[in-house]
Amino acid sequence: MLHFEITLLLILIFLIVYPILLSFLSGAKRVLFEPKLTDKEIYKKVKEEKRKLGLNSQNIKVEIYNGRSSECERESENQYVVRIADNFRGRRPATIKHEMYHVYRDKGEKDSTLKRLFIQEPRANLYDIFNICL
C-alpha cells in the first residue's frame, strides 16, 4: 500500500511542477536565446507558422499592443486575432509560435482556468520550445 501512496504523491507533484517548469523554460528560451523581432519580422513569422500548422485557410489578424502578455482570440469562425505584447518577452519568435499553436490546437478559445493552466499552456509551451505538436 505504501508504494501506491508514494506513486500517487509523485504523480501529484509532477502534475503541479510540469506546467511551471515548461513555462520557465519557455520564458528563459525567449529572453536569453531569441532575438527581438521588428513588426515586419512578426508578420513574416505569423505567415510561416500559418503554413507550418496548416492554418492557411484561417484569417488571422495580428495586433502589436502595449500589454503585459500576448494572447489569441477567436472572433468568429475562421477569424482570429493574435495580440503580441510590445515588451521584452512578446516580440520573440517563440511567442509567435506559442500563440499560433493556441489558434491551431485550442481554436483561440479560453477554457476554464485549470484546463488552460494544466493542458493548453503546457501544450503550447512544448510546441514553442521543442516543436512538439500534441
Foldseek 3Di string as FASTA:
>chain_A
DVVVVVVVVVVVVCLVVLLVVLVVVLQCCFQPPWDFDDPVVLVVLLVVLCVVLVLVQAAEAEAEDQDDAWAKAAPDVSYIYTYFHPDSRRRTSLNSQLRSLCCRPVVRDDDDPVCCRRPNNSQSSCCSPPVDHD
